[in-house]
C-alpha atoms as a PDB file:
ATOM      1  CA  MET A   1     149.247  -4.775  64.508  1.00  0.00           C
ATOM      2  CA  LYS A   2     149.776  -3.685  67.227  1.00  0.00           C
ATOM      3  CA  ARG A   3     147.016  -2.851  68.552  1.00  0.00           C
ATOM      4  CA  LEU A   4     145.760  -6.558  67.893  1.00  0.00           C
ATOM      5  CA  THR A   5     148.020  -7.935  69.872  1.00  0.00           C
ATOM      6  CA  TYR A   6     147.386  -5.937  72.884  1.00  0.00           C
ATOM      7  CA  ALA A   7     143.451  -6.338  71.971  1.00  0.00           C
ATOM      8  CA  PHE A   8     143.643 -10.873  71.625  1.00  0.00           C
ATOM      9  CA  SER A   9     146.514 -10.081  75.200  1.00  0.00           C
ATOM     10  CA  LEU A  10     143.427  -8.371  76.648  1.00  0.00           C
ATOM     11  CA  VAL A  11     141.332 -11.425  75.490  1.00  0.00           C
ATOM     12  CA  ILE A  12     143.162 -13.776  77.398  1.00  0.00           C
ATOM     13  CA  VAL A  13     144.001 -12.237  80.634  1.00  0.00           C
ATOM     14  CA  THR A  14     140.450 -11.218  80.729  1.00  0.00           C
ATOM     15  CA  ALA A  15     139.373 -14.923  80.634  1.00  0.00           C
ATOM     16  CA  LEU A  16     142.107 -16.216  82.956  1.00  0.00           C
ATOM     17  CA  MET A  17     141.149 -13.801  85.376  1.00  0.00           C
ATOM     18  CA  GLY A  18     137.180 -14.919  85.250  1.00  0.00           C
ATOM     19  CA  CYS A  19     135.465 -17.292  88.370  1.00  0.00           C
ATOM     20  CA  ALA A  20     134.339 -20.348  86.987  1.00  0.00           C
ATOM     21  CA  SER A  21     132.288 -22.465  89.230  1.00  0.00           C
ATOM     22  CA  VAL A  22     132.200 -25.597  90.571  1.00  0.00           C
ATOM     23  CA  ASN A  23     129.882 -27.711  92.358  1.00  0.00           C
ATOM     24  CA  THR A  24     130.950 -27.510  96.257  1.00  0.00           C
ATOM     25  CA  ALA A  25     129.792 -30.449  98.819  1.00  0.00           C
ATOM     26  CA  PRO A  26     127.377 -29.769 101.496  1.00  0.00           C
ATOM     27  CA  PRO A  27     128.575 -27.557 104.719  1.00  0.00           C
ATOM     28  CA  ALA A  28     128.840 -30.663 106.311  1.00  0.00           C
ATOM     29  CA  MET A  29     131.412 -32.051 104.811  1.00  0.00           C
ATOM     30  CA  GLN A  30     132.866 -28.804 103.745  1.00  0.00           C
ATOM     31  CA  ALA A  31     134.273 -28.659 107.345  1.00  0.00           C
ATOM     32  CA  GLU A  32     135.205 -32.417 107.782  1.00  0.00           C
ATOM     33  CA  ALA A  33     137.312 -32.368 105.018  1.00  0.00           C
ATOM     34  CA  LYS A  34     139.085 -29.448 106.896  1.00  0.00           C
ATOM     35  CA  THR A  35     139.671 -31.606 110.436  1.00  0.00           C
ATOM     36  CA  PHE A  36     141.882 -33.763 108.570  1.00  0.00           C
ATOM     37  CA  PRO A  37     140.396 -37.239 109.765  1.00  0.00           C
ATOM     38  CA  VAL A  38     142.560 -39.701 109.292  1.00  0.00           C
ATOM     39  CA  GLN A  39     141.195 -44.091 108.935  1.00  0.00           C
ATOM     40  CA  THR A  40     144.502 -46.421 109.966  1.00  0.00           C
ATOM     41  CA  ASP A  41     142.870 -48.251 106.622  1.00  0.00           C
ATOM     42  CA  LYS A  42     142.991 -45.875 104.048  1.00  0.00           C
ATOM     43  CA  ALA A  43     145.064 -42.573 103.258  1.00  0.00           C
ATOM     44  CA  ASN A  44     143.717 -39.013 102.590  1.00  0.00           C
ATOM     45  CA  LEU A  45     144.092 -37.880  99.278  1.00  0.00           C
ATOM     46  CA  TYR A  46     143.633 -33.792  98.886  1.00  0.00           C
ATOM     47  CA  ILE A  47     143.769 -32.229  95.309  1.00  0.00           C
ATOM     48  CA  TYR A  48     143.711 -28.817  95.649  1.00  0.00           C
ATOM     49  CA  ARG A  49     143.517 -24.930  93.774  1.00  0.00           C
ATOM     50  CA  ASN A  50     143.945 -22.441  95.209  1.00  0.00           C
ATOM     51  CA  GLU A  51     144.653 -19.321  93.663  1.00  0.00           C
ATOM     52  CA  SER A  52     142.251 -16.785  91.340  1.00  0.00           C
ATOM     53  CA  PHE A  53     144.331 -16.971  88.453  1.00  0.00           C
ATOM     54  CA  GLY A  54     142.951 -18.549  85.785  1.00  0.00           C
ATOM     55  CA  GLY A  55     139.662 -18.485  87.253  1.00  0.00           C
ATOM     56  CA  ALA A  56     137.590 -18.870  84.123  1.00  0.00           C
ATOM     57  CA  VAL A  57     138.943 -22.103  83.722  1.00  0.00           C
ATOM     58  CA  THR A  58     137.666 -25.480  85.363  1.00  0.00           C
ATOM     59  CA  MET A  59     140.456 -28.083  84.994  1.00  0.00           C
ATOM     60  CA  LYS A  60     139.083 -32.245  84.144  1.00  0.00           C
ATOM     61  CA  VAL A  61     140.932 -34.599  86.818  1.00  0.00           C
ATOM     62  CA  SER A  62     141.623 -37.741  86.957  1.00  0.00           C
ATOM     63  CA  VAL A  63     142.919 -40.430  89.161  1.00  0.00           C
ATOM     64  CA  ASN A  64     144.048 -43.801  87.584  1.00  0.00           C
ATOM     65  CA  ASP A  65     142.461 -42.633  84.302  1.00  0.00           C
ATOM     66  CA  MET A  66     138.596 -42.783  86.381  1.00  0.00           C
ATOM     67  CA  PRO A  67     137.659 -38.974  86.108  1.00  0.00           C
ATOM     68  CA  ILE A  68     136.511 -37.699  89.242  1.00  0.00           C
ATOM     69  CA  GLY A  69     135.082 -33.297  88.400  1.00  0.00           C
ATOM     70  CA  LYS A  70     136.641 -30.533  87.636  1.00  0.00           C
ATOM     71  CA  THR A  71     138.497 -27.917  89.996  1.00  0.00           C
ATOM     72  CA  GLY A  72     137.967 -24.330  89.259  1.00  0.00           C
ATOM     73  CA  PRO A  73     139.757 -21.531  91.803  1.00  0.00           C
ATOM     74  CA  LYS A  74     140.164 -21.990  95.096  1.00  0.00           C
ATOM     75  CA  SER A  75     138.524 -25.497  95.782  1.00  0.00           C
ATOM     76  CA  PHE A  76     140.056 -28.744  96.038  1.00  0.00           C
ATOM     77  CA  PHE A  77     138.938 -32.587  96.133  1.00  0.00           C
ATOM     78  CA  TRP A  78     138.701 -34.743  98.975  1.00  0.00           C
ATOM     79  CA  LEU A  79     139.055 -38.648  98.819  1.00  0.00           C
ATOM     80  CA  LYS A  80     139.803 -41.831 100.793  1.00  0.00           C
ATOM     81  CA  VAL A  81     141.812 -44.049  98.998  1.00  0.00           C
ATOM     82  CA  LYS A  82     143.068 -47.303 100.159  1.00  0.00           C
ATOM     83  CA  PRO A  83     146.960 -47.711 100.181  1.00  0.00           C
ATOM     84  CA  GLY A  84     148.858 -47.859  96.877  1.00  0.00           C
ATOM     85  CA  THR A  85     149.549 -46.364  94.005  1.00  0.00           C
ATOM     86  CA  TYR A  86     147.650 -43.265  92.003  1.00  0.00           C
ATOM     87  CA  ASN A  87     148.336 -41.906  89.083  1.00  0.00           C
ATOM     88  CA  ILE A  88     146.566 -38.031  88.899  1.00  0.00           C
ATOM     89  CA  SER A  89     146.004 -36.018  86.121  1.00  0.00           C
ATOM     90  CA  SER A  90     144.489 -32.556  84.650  1.00  0.00           C
ATOM     91  CA  GLU A  91     144.172 -31.025  82.026  1.00  0.00           C
ATOM     92  CA  ALA A  92     144.103 -27.745  80.975  1.00  0.00           C
ATOM     93  CA  GLU A  93     146.175 -26.272  77.491  1.00  0.00           C
ATOM     94  CA  ASN A  94     148.627 -28.575  79.044  1.00  0.00           C
ATOM     95  CA  THR A  95     148.180 -32.002  80.809  1.00  0.00           C
ATOM     96  CA  SER A  96     149.515 -32.484  84.354  1.00  0.00           C
ATOM     97  CA  LEU A  97     150.313 -36.188  86.016  1.00  0.00           C
ATOM     98  CA  VAL A  98     151.534 -36.402  89.463  1.00  0.00           C
ATOM     99  CA  THR A  99     152.405 -39.940  91.350  1.00  0.00           C
ATOM    100  CA  VAL A 100     151.265 -40.752  94.837  1.00  0.00           C
ATOM    101  CA  VAL A 101     152.298 -43.684  96.617  1.00  0.00           C
ATOM    102  CA  ALA A 102     149.692 -44.206  99.538  1.00  0.00           C
ATOM    103  CA  GLU A 103     149.727 -45.281 103.190  1.00  0.00           C
ATOM    104  CA  GLY A 104     147.275 -45.792 105.816  1.00  0.00           C
ATOM    105  CA  GLY A 105     146.381 -43.453 108.575  1.00  0.00           C
ATOM    106  CA  LYS A 106     148.614 -40.445 106.540  1.00  0.00           C
ATOM    107  CA  ASP A 107     147.526 -37.389 104.558  1.00  0.00           C
ATOM    108  CA  TYR A 108     149.237 -36.651 100.290  1.00  0.00           C
ATOM    109  CA  PHE A 109     148.228 -32.696  99.149  1.00  0.00           C
ATOM    110  CA  VAL A 110     149.147 -32.750  95.748  1.00  0.00           C
ATOM    111  CA  TRP A 111     148.799 -28.761  94.422  1.00  0.00           C
ATOM    112  CA  GLN A 112     147.122 -27.838  91.418  1.00  0.00           C
ATOM    113  CA  GLU A 113     149.461 -24.705  90.522  1.00  0.00           C
ATOM    114  CA  VAL A 114     147.705 -22.518  87.334  1.00  0.00           C
ATOM    115  CA  LYS A 115     150.222 -20.711  84.659  1.00  0.00           C
ATOM    116  CA  LEU A 116     149.563 -18.568  81.679  1.00  0.00           C
ATOM    117  CA  GLY A 117     149.432 -20.528  78.871  1.00  0.00           C
ATOM    118  CA  LEU A 118     149.562 -19.401  75.087  1.00  0.00           C
ATOM    119  CA  LEU A 119     145.936 -19.669  74.095  1.00  0.00           C
ATOM    120  CA  PHE A 120     143.945 -21.371  78.042  1.00  0.00           C
ATOM    121  CA  ALA A 121     145.199 -20.959  81.536  1.00  0.00           C
ATOM    122  CA  ARG A 122     147.665 -23.790  81.912  1.00  0.00           C
ATOM    123  CA  ASN A 123     148.676 -26.222  85.355  1.00  0.00           C
ATOM    124  CA  ASN A 124     151.188 -28.023  86.948  1.00  0.00           C
ATOM    125  CA  LEU A 125     150.419 -31.173  89.486  1.00  0.00           C
ATOM    126  CA  GLN A 126     152.880 -31.671  92.090  1.00  0.00           C
ATOM    127  CA  THR A 127     153.089 -32.692  95.474  1.00  0.00           C
ATOM    128  CA  VAL A 128     153.543 -30.584  98.776  1.00  0.00           C
ATOM    129  CA  ASP A 129     153.933 -31.117 102.312  1.00  0.00           C
ATOM    130  CA  ALA A 130     151.719 -30.966 104.888  1.00  0.00           C
ATOM    131  CA  ALA A 131     151.779 -27.294 106.258  1.00  0.00           C
ATOM    132  CA  THR A 132     151.655 -25.996 102.784  1.00  0.00           C
ATOM    133  CA  GLY A 133     148.212 -28.405 101.709  1.00  0.00           C
ATOM    134  CA  LYS A 134     146.460 -27.911 104.696  1.00  0.00           C
ATOM    135  CA  ALA A 135     146.889 -24.399 103.965  1.00  0.00           C
ATOM    136  CA  GLY A 136     145.972 -24.217 100.601  1.00  0.00           C
ATOM    137  CA  VAL A 137     142.927 -26.378 100.873  1.00  0.00           C
ATOM    138  CA  LEU A 138     141.582 -24.396 104.145  1.00  0.00           C
ATOM    139  CA  ASP A 139     141.443 -21.908 101.848  1.00  0.00           C
ATOM    140  CA  SER A 140     139.626 -23.359  99.212  1.00  0.00           C
ATOM    141  CA  GLN A 141     135.978 -25.426  98.836  1.00  0.00           C
ATOM    142  CA  LEU A 142     135.445 -28.789  98.672  1.00  0.00           C
ATOM    143  CA  ILE A 143     133.630 -30.445  95.241  1.00  0.00           C
ATOM    144  CA  TYR A 144     131.736 -32.797  95.599  1.00  0.00           C
ATOM    145  CA  VAL A 145     132.573 -36.061  93.791  1.00  0.00           C
ATOM    146  CA  ASP A 146     129.474 -38.400  93.202  1.00  0.00           C
ATOM    147  CA  PRO A 147     129.592 -41.572  95.371  1.00  0.00           C
ATOM    148  CA  SER A 148     129.433 -43.829  92.644  1.00  0.00           C
ATOM    149  CA  VAL A 149     133.200 -42.954  91.346  1.00  0.00           C
ATOM    150  CA  VAL A 150     135.232 -45.581  92.755  1.00  0.00           C
ATOM    151  CA  ILE A 151     138.931 -45.139  92.302  1.00  0.00           C
ATOM    152  CA  LYS A 152     141.039 -48.657  92.551  1.00  0.00           C
ATOM    153  CA  PRO A 153     144.810 -48.153  93.618  1.00  0.00           C
ATOM    154  CA  ILE A 154     147.373 -49.422  90.968  1.00  0.00           C
ATOM    155  CA  ASN A 155     149.870 -52.076  93.137  1.00  0.00           C
ATOM    156  CA  PRO A 156     147.725 -52.311  96.448  1.00  0.00           C
ATOM    157  CA  PRO A 157     149.556 -53.675  99.048  1.00  0.00           C
ATOM    158  CA  PRO A 158     148.640 -57.342  99.850  1.00  0.00           C
ATOM    159  CA  ASP A 159     145.889 -58.007 102.273  1.00  0.00           C
ATOM    160  CA  VAL A 160     146.707 -59.683 104.602  1.00  0.00           C
ATOM    161  CA  SER A 161     143.849 -58.360 107.030  1.00  0.00           C
ATOM    162  CA  THR A 162     141.954 -62.112 106.937  1.00  0.00           C
ATOM    163  CA  SER A 163     144.900 -64.105 106.876  1.00  0.00           C
ATOM    164  CA  ILE A 164     148.589 -63.820 108.814  1.00  0.00           C
ATOM    165  CA  SER A 165     151.186 -66.148 108.441  1.00  0.00           C
ATOM    166  CA  LEU A 166     153.818 -65.383 111.767  1.00  0.00           C
ATOM    167  CA  THR A 167     156.328 -67.055 113.053  1.00  0.00           C
ATOM    168  CA  GLY A 168     158.344 -67.474 116.147  1.00  0.00           C
ATOM    169  CA  ASN A 169     157.300 -67.513 119.707  1.00  0.00           C
ATOM    170  CA  SER A 170     154.647 -64.829 121.111  1.00  0.00           C
ATOM    171  CA  LYS A 171     156.606 -61.903 122.083  1.00  0.00           C
ATOM    172  CA  GLN A 172     158.239 -62.053 118.259  1.00  0.00           C
ATOM    173  CA  LYS A 173     154.575 -62.490 116.505  1.00  0.00           C
ATOM    174  CA  LEU A 174     153.308 -59.601 118.396  1.00  0.00           C
ATOM    175  CA  GLU A 175     156.308 -57.536 117.123  1.00  0.00           C
ATOM    176  CA  GLU A 176     155.467 -58.670 113.932  1.00  0.00           C
ATOM    177  CA  LEU A 177     152.001 -57.370 114.047  1.00  0.00           C
ATOM    178  CA  LYS A 178     153.099 -54.133 115.356  1.00  0.00           C
ATOM    179  CA  GLY A 179     155.243 -53.491 111.608  1.00  0.00           C
ATOM    180  CA  LEU A 180     151.995 -54.477 110.119  1.00  0.00           C
ATOM    181  CA  ARG A 181     149.926 -52.308 111.986  1.00  0.00           C
ATOM    182  CA  GLN A 182     152.602 -49.764 111.189  1.00  0.00           C
ATOM    183  CA  GLU A 183     152.813 -50.341 107.669  1.00  0.00           C
ATOM    184  CA  GLY A 184     148.918 -49.481 107.051  1.00  0.00           C
ATOM    185  CA  LEU A 185     148.640 -53.874 106.140  1.00  0.00           C
ATOM    186  CA  ILE A 186     146.459 -54.188 108.968  1.00  0.00           C
ATOM    187  CA  THR A 187     143.108 -52.027 110.579  1.00  0.00           C
ATOM    188  CA  GLU A 188     143.910 -51.328 114.412  1.00  0.00           C
ATOM    189  CA  LYS A 189     140.306 -53.761 114.772  1.00  0.00           C
ATOM    190  CA  ASP A 190     142.661 -56.486 113.017  1.00  0.00           C
ATOM    191  CA  TYR A 191     145.858 -55.462 115.588  1.00  0.00           C
ATOM    192  CA  GLN A 192     144.193 -55.476 118.530  1.00  0.00           C
ATOM    193  CA  ASP A 193     141.818 -58.543 117.463  1.00  0.00           C
ATOM    194  CA  LYS A 194     144.973 -60.806 116.947  1.00  0.00           C
ATOM    195  CA  ARG A 195     146.929 -59.501 120.136  1.00  0.00           C
ATOM    196  CA  LYS A 196     144.020 -60.482 122.285  1.00  0.00           C
ATOM    197  CA  ALA A 197     144.063 -64.365 120.817  1.00  0.00           C
ATOM    198  CA  LEU A 198     147.676 -63.957 121.148  1.00  0.00           C
ATOM    199  CA  LEU A 199     147.649 -63.084 124.541  1.00  0.00           C
ATOM    200  CA  LYS A 200     145.482 -65.604 125.633  1.00  0.00           C
END
């Protein structure tokens, strides 16, 4: 019985320590992702798995119920998303879920931690700070995501980029415009265009 248990455990550990491959992005895209570029009207969402443990197991990842691909050891996704709420889920022996409320012009990092399971590897999604997230991303390879995959936010902020109603004098209106820009509700271009119109 002990021999059987040992052999079974050895098979599991061997599988967990193997190496599964993923579809990596071209070198130019890899390099761009690791500069962490930001856009005022979008957020960067990084989902990374920087461990070798459980390397034989790929794990399916979805964002707002939209499948985006599978992670392998030392790999990451880079998504440029509109402001709003995003539910990230990943499947292994278990299903893990974490929610990110994104604002324009910011980076968000979700770490997929891999743990020992009963039969297969388990996973645990958790948000981490920028320093930890960037280190994990730099240690991993970007996974290619099909451009046809479109992820829409849940509860997006109201679209005020084309129609903004402001009250008060010009100074007050400028302050309101600045506030909208800082909250990521309007783009830098919208801000500059409306600022020029107010100052005429």
